Amino acid sequence: MKNGTEPLQDRLRVVRNLTVSTYLTLLNGGTLREELTDQHVAQKLNSLVFKVRTRYDSLNVLVQTVKDGTKSDGAIALAESIIAHVSMIHELLSEAGFEEIAEPYASVCKPVIASYLSETNFAKAEPDRKFVNESMQIPHRLKTLAPAAVVYWFSVMLAERYAKATQVTHADGLTRIVREITFPPEYQQAGLSILNYFATVLNDKYPDIPVMVSIQQEPNHVTLIITLPDGSQDKVTKTLNDYGLVVTGKIDVPPHLSSTPI
């Protein structure tokens, strides 16, 4: 078994600290449980955090035991899944109103966040040990200034920003699609049709461009996120309900989807 960590592990450890460790700390020792009044949001958040945690643990084991470490297909797939789930957590909190709750506290929390970004060189390609360790201190410093929900919002905001800046290199140079989605039985055919449509979009719009791709579901909307080499993103969102009606013959195929196999 190999010793030490690799740069990708350290970067994802920072992401894990800010999303998983912070969540558990605030849930067990703070008021976050009371502030998460929407049970649907609480359950979904708990599920997403659990996935980030287990995938990071699996990545650690895999990197220590498999040849080529973080360049192995399995490690790359786990890393991409972690990054995708952090984006889902950020989006979930945003839709649940956490950003609005945090806005009044932005001015008092900004110095703590700015200090972390400055001291640890947030934009640095390879995180140092201080950067990793300091990520665990962010929630403790913010807890004296704001409610638990606000602390978690700013922690996830940092994690999502850092996750997006993390480059995952494929050994084979191929794009991989992260499919962390579940289709109810009545929408399975609709879901497959949407995936076929996404494949068509990729082939038509970016046939020769090395793009990074992920697919997210929230809850009946399925979104294809295409990240271009320059960092810009192209998003395509489709609704399971509409596709379900097409499949059952209750509505006609929309003109812009007429070429899509359904």
Protein backbone atom coordinates (compact mmCIF):
# COMPACT_ATOMS: atom_id res chain seq x y z
CA MET A 1 0.00 0.00 0.00
CA LYS A 2 1.28 3.45 -0.93
CA ASN A 3 1.93 6.17 1.64
CA GLY A 4 0.98 9.84 1.50
CA THR A 5 -1.60 11.57 -0.65
CA GLU A 6 -1.76 12.90 -4.18
CA PRO A 7 -2.79 16.44 -5.21
CA LEU A 8 -6.26 15.37 -6.33
CA GLN A 9 -6.85 13.69 -2.97
CA ASP A 10 -5.86 16.86 -1.13
CA ARG A 11 -8.14 19.01 -3.27
CA LEU A 12 -11.07 16.68 -2.74
CA ARG A 13 -10.26 16.46 0.96
CA VAL A 14 -10.79 20.22 1.18
CA VAL A 15 -14.10 19.78 -0.64
CA ARG A 16 -15.04 16.91 1.68
CA ASN A 17 -14.12 18.93 4.78
CA LEU A 18 -16.26 21.89 3.76
CA THR A 19 -19.31 19.82 2.78
CA VAL A 20 -19.27 16.67 4.91
CA SER A 21 -17.30 17.49 8.08
CA THR A 22 -18.91 20.91 8.38
CA TYR A 23 -22.37 19.42 7.90
CA LEU A 24 -21.87 16.78 10.59
CA THR A 25 -20.38 19.31 13.01
CA LEU A 26 -23.27 21.74 12.59
CA LEU A 27 -25.86 18.97 12.69
CA ASN A 28 -24.58 17.39 15.89
CA GLY A 29 -23.30 20.40 17.82
CA GLY A 30 -25.25 23.33 16.44
CA THR A 31 -28.73 24.37 15.39
CA LEU A 32 -28.65 23.24 11.79
CA ARG A 33 -31.12 20.43 12.47
CA GLU A 34 -33.63 22.99 13.78
CA GLU A 35 -32.99 25.36 10.88
CA LEU A 36 -33.61 22.63 8.30
CA THR A 37 -37.37 22.82 8.68
CA ASP A 38 -38.16 21.41 5.21
CA GLN A 39 -37.93 17.63 5.67
CA HIS A 40 -37.64 16.98 1.93
CA VAL A 41 -34.62 19.29 1.73
CA ALA A 42 -33.14 17.79 4.90
CA GLN A 43 -33.47 14.23 3.60
CA LYS A 44 -32.04 15.08 0.20
CA LEU A 45 -29.16 17.04 1.73
CA ASN A 46 -28.37 14.14 4.05
CA SER A 47 -28.34 11.75 1.08
CA LEU A 48 -26.04 13.98 -1.00
CA VAL A 49 -23.62 14.52 1.90
CA PHE A 50 -23.53 10.77 2.52
CA LYS A 51 -22.63 10.18 -1.13
CA VAL A 52 -19.78 12.69 -1.03
CA ARG A 53 -18.48 11.08 2.16
CA THR A 54 -18.60 7.48 0.91
CA ARG A 55 -17.14 8.32 -2.48
CA TYR A 56 -14.24 10.17 -0.89
CA ASP A 57 -13.57 7.23 1.43
CA SER A 58 -13.68 4.87 -1.56
CA LEU A 59 -11.31 7.15 -3.48
CA ASN A 60 -8.81 7.06 -0.63
CA VAL A 61 -8.84 3.27 -0.55
CA LEU A 62 -8.62 2.99 -4.32
CA VAL A 63 -5.74 5.41 -4.68
CA GLN A 64 -3.77 3.58 -1.99
CA THR A 65 -4.25 0.15 -3.52
CA VAL A 66 -4.59 0.54 -7.29
CA LYS A 67 -1.77 1.15 -9.70
CA ASP A 68 -1.49 4.72 -11.10
CA GLY A 69 -3.44 6.14 -8.14
CA THR A 70 -5.70 9.03 -9.11
CA LYS A 71 -5.19 8.32 -12.82
CA SER A 72 -7.05 5.03 -12.64
CA ASP A 73 -10.51 4.90 -14.22
CA GLY A 74 -12.15 4.05 -10.92
CA ALA A 75 -10.55 6.96 -9.05
CA ILE A 76 -11.43 9.39 -11.83
CA ALA A 77 -15.06 8.26 -11.82
CA LEU A 78 -15.23 8.71 -8.03
CA ALA A 79 -13.62 12.16 -8.23
CA GLU A 80 -16.08 13.29 -10.90
CA SER A 81 -18.97 11.97 -8.84
CA ILE A 82 -17.79 13.92 -5.76
CA ILE A 83 -17.54 17.12 -7.79
CA ALA A 84 -20.99 16.58 -9.30
CA HIS A 85 -22.58 15.95 -5.89
CA VAL A 86 -21.03 19.07 -4.37
CA SER A 87 -22.64 21.07 -7.19
CA MET A 88 -25.95 19.37 -6.37
CA ILE A 89 -25.61 20.34 -2.71
CA HIS A 90 -24.89 23.95 -3.67
CA GLU A 91 -27.89 24.01 -6.00
CA LEU A 92 -30.16 22.40 -3.41
CA LEU A 93 -29.23 24.95 -0.75
CA SER A 94 -29.70 27.79 -3.20
CA GLU A 95 -33.17 26.58 -4.16
CA ALA A 96 -34.02 26.11 -0.47
CA GLY A 97 -33.29 29.79 0.20
CA PHE A 98 -29.98 29.47 2.05
CA GLU A 99 -28.40 32.19 -0.08
CA GLU A 100 -31.10 34.68 0.93
CA ILE A 101 -30.71 33.69 4.59
CA ALA A 102 -26.96 34.26 4.37
CA GLU A 103 -27.12 37.63 2.63
CA PRO A 104 -27.55 39.75 5.81
CA TYR A 105 -24.46 38.06 7.29
CA ALA A 106 -22.24 38.49 4.25
CA SER A 107 -20.45 41.58 5.56
CA VAL A 108 -19.52 40.02 8.92
CA CYS A 109 -18.51 36.67 7.40
CA LYS A 110 -16.54 38.14 4.50
CA PRO A 111 -13.33 38.85 6.52
CA VAL A 112 -13.11 35.21 7.66
CA ILE A 113 -13.63 33.91 4.14
CA ALA A 114 -11.25 36.49 2.63
CA SER A 115 -8.58 35.59 5.18
CA TYR A 116 -8.86 31.91 4.30
CA LEU A 117 -8.65 32.63 0.58
CA SER A 118 -5.65 34.89 1.07
CA GLU A 119 -3.68 32.81 3.60
CA THR A 120 -4.12 29.51 1.80
CA ASN A 121 -3.81 30.79 -1.79
CA PHE A 122 -7.19 29.42 -2.88
CA ALA A 123 -6.32 29.60 -6.58
CA LYS A 124 -3.16 27.54 -6.11
CA ALA A 125 -3.06 24.48 -8.35
CA GLU A 126 -1.65 22.19 -5.67
CA PRO A 127 -3.03 22.66 -2.13
CA ASP A 128 -0.53 22.63 0.71
CA ARG A 129 -1.10 21.09 4.15
CA LYS A 130 -2.15 24.43 5.65
CA PHE A 131 -4.82 24.78 3.01
CA VAL A 132 -6.27 21.38 3.88
CA ASN A 133 -6.09 21.90 7.63
CA GLU A 134 -7.56 25.40 7.51
CA SER A 135 -10.62 24.12 5.67
CA MET A 136 -11.63 22.44 8.94
CA GLN A 137 -11.44 25.75 10.83
CA ILE A 138 -13.80 27.74 8.60
CA PRO A 139 -17.04 26.59 10.28
CA HIS A 140 -15.64 27.17 13.79
CA ARG A 141 -14.74 30.77 12.92
CA LEU A 142 -18.03 31.47 11.18
CA LYS A 143 -20.15 29.93 13.99
CA THR A 144 -19.38 32.90 16.22
CA LEU A 145 -20.76 35.26 13.58
CA ALA A 146 -23.80 33.59 12.03
CA PRO A 147 -26.45 30.84 12.39
CA ALA A 148 -25.60 27.28 11.38
CA ALA A 149 -27.50 27.51 8.08
CA VAL A 150 -25.41 30.54 7.08
CA VAL A 151 -22.17 28.84 8.13
CA TYR A 152 -23.04 25.84 5.97
CA TRP A 153 -24.02 27.99 2.98
CA PHE A 154 -20.66 29.79 2.92
CA SER A 155 -18.77 26.51 3.47
CA VAL A 156 -20.57 24.84 0.57
CA MET A 157 -20.06 27.94 -1.58
CA LEU A 158 -16.30 27.63 -1.06
CA ALA A 159 -16.39 23.87 -1.65
CA GLU A 160 -18.35 24.23 -4.89
CA ARG A 161 -16.02 26.92 -6.18
CA TYR A 162 -12.95 24.83 -5.41
CA ALA A 163 -14.52 21.65 -6.81
CA LYS A 164 -15.24 23.37 -10.12
CA ALA A 165 -11.61 24.50 -10.32
CA THR A 166 -10.40 20.92 -9.85
CA GLN A 167 -9.21 19.36 -13.07
CA VAL A 168 -9.76 15.63 -13.41
CA THR A 169 -7.55 14.11 -16.09
CA HIS A 170 -8.58 10.93 -17.82
CA ALA A 171 -5.85 8.46 -18.65
CA ASP A 172 -7.56 7.73 -21.96
CA GLY A 173 -8.46 11.36 -22.66
CA LEU A 174 -12.15 10.51 -23.02
CA THR A 175 -15.10 12.36 -21.58
CA ARG A 176 -17.07 10.53 -18.93
CA ILE A 177 -20.73 11.13 -18.06
CA VAL A 178 -21.63 10.95 -14.37
CA ARG A 179 -25.12 9.47 -14.17
CA GLU A 180 -26.21 9.87 -10.57
CA ILE A 181 -29.90 9.87 -11.45
CA THR A 182 -32.90 7.70 -10.70
CA PHE A 183 -35.99 7.43 -12.88
CA PRO A 184 -39.31 6.33 -11.31
CA PRO A 185 -40.84 3.30 -13.11
CA GLU A 186 -43.39 5.44 -14.96
CA TYR A 187 -40.62 7.68 -16.31
CA GLN A 188 -37.94 5.14 -17.17
CA GLN A 189 -38.60 5.28 -20.92
CA ALA A 190 -38.80 9.07 -20.75
CA GLY A 191 -35.48 9.15 -18.90
CA LEU A 192 -33.78 6.97 -21.49
CA SER A 193 -35.12 9.23 -24.23
CA ILE A 194 -33.65 12.26 -22.49
CA LEU A 195 -30.25 10.55 -22.23
CA ASN A 196 -30.44 9.73 -25.95
CA TYR A 197 -31.24 13.36 -26.67
CA PHE A 198 -28.26 14.51 -24.58
CA ALA A 199 -25.99 12.19 -26.55
CA THR A 200 -27.31 13.75 -29.76
CA VAL A 201 -26.61 17.26 -28.45
CA LEU A 202 -23.03 16.32 -27.58
CA ASN A 203 -22.37 14.70 -30.95
CA ASP A 204 -23.90 17.60 -32.90
CA LYS A 205 -22.49 20.56 -30.98
CA TYR A 206 -19.13 19.34 -29.70
CA PRO A 207 -17.93 16.48 -31.93
CA ASP A 208 -14.24 17.38 -31.75
CA ILE A 209 -13.98 19.40 -28.51
CA PRO A 210 -12.68 17.77 -25.28
CA VAL A 211 -15.52 18.72 -22.96
CA MET A 212 -16.31 17.58 -19.41
CA VAL A 213 -19.85 16.32 -18.96
CA SER A 214 -22.15 15.63 -16.02
CA ILE A 215 -25.85 14.90 -15.74
CA GLN A 216 -27.93 16.05 -12.78
CA GLN A 217 -31.54 15.45 -11.78
CA GLU A 218 -33.60 17.87 -9.64
CA PRO A 219 -36.20 16.35 -9.07
CA ASN A 220 -38.09 15.83 -12.36
CA HIS A 221 -35.76 18.06 -14.35
CA VAL A 222 -32.71 16.41 -15.90
CA THR A 223 -29.85 18.73 -16.81
CA LEU A 224 -26.88 18.10 -19.07
CA ILE A 225 -23.93 20.27 -17.97
CA ILE A 226 -21.18 20.64 -20.55
CA THR A 227 -17.97 22.33 -19.37
CA LEU A 228 -15.79 23.65 -22.20
CA PRO A 229 -11.98 23.80 -22.08
CA ASP A 230 -12.12 27.56 -21.31
CA GLY A 231 -14.27 26.91 -18.21
CA SER A 232 -17.56 28.17 -19.67
CA GLN A 233 -20.62 25.95 -19.38
CA ASP A 234 -23.51 24.99 -21.61
CA LYS A 235 -26.60 23.61 -19.85
CA VAL A 236 -29.51 21.73 -21.41
CA THR A 237 -32.49 20.93 -19.19
CA LYS A 238 -35.39 18.61 -20.02
CA THR A 239 -38.45 17.66 -17.98
CA LEU A 240 -39.45 14.06 -17.30
CA ASN A 241 -43.13 15.04 -17.22
CA ASP A 242 -43.12 16.28 -20.83
CA TYR A 243 -41.21 13.25 -22.05
CA GLY A 244 -43.55 10.99 -20.12
CA LEU A 245 -46.54 12.52 -21.87
CA VAL A 246 -44.82 12.04 -25.22
CA VAL A 247 -44.10 8.40 -24.45
CA THR A 248 -47.71 7.73 -23.42
CA GLY A 249 -49.01 9.57 -26.48
CA LYS A 250 -50.86 12.25 -24.49
CA ILE A 251 -49.03 15.08 -26.28
CA ASP A 252 -47.22 15.38 -29.58
CA VAL A 253 -43.45 15.40 -29.85
CA PRO A 254 -42.22 19.01 -29.56
CA PRO A 255 -40.80 20.27 -32.91
CA HIS A 256 -37.30 20.79 -31.48
CA LEU A 257 -37.25 17.18 -30.32
CA SER A 258 -38.78 15.60 -33.40
CA SER A 259 -35.48 14.01 -34.38
CA THR A 260 -34.96 12.51 -30.93
CA PRO A 261 -35.58 8.76 -30.60
CA ILE A 262 -38.49 8.31 -28.16
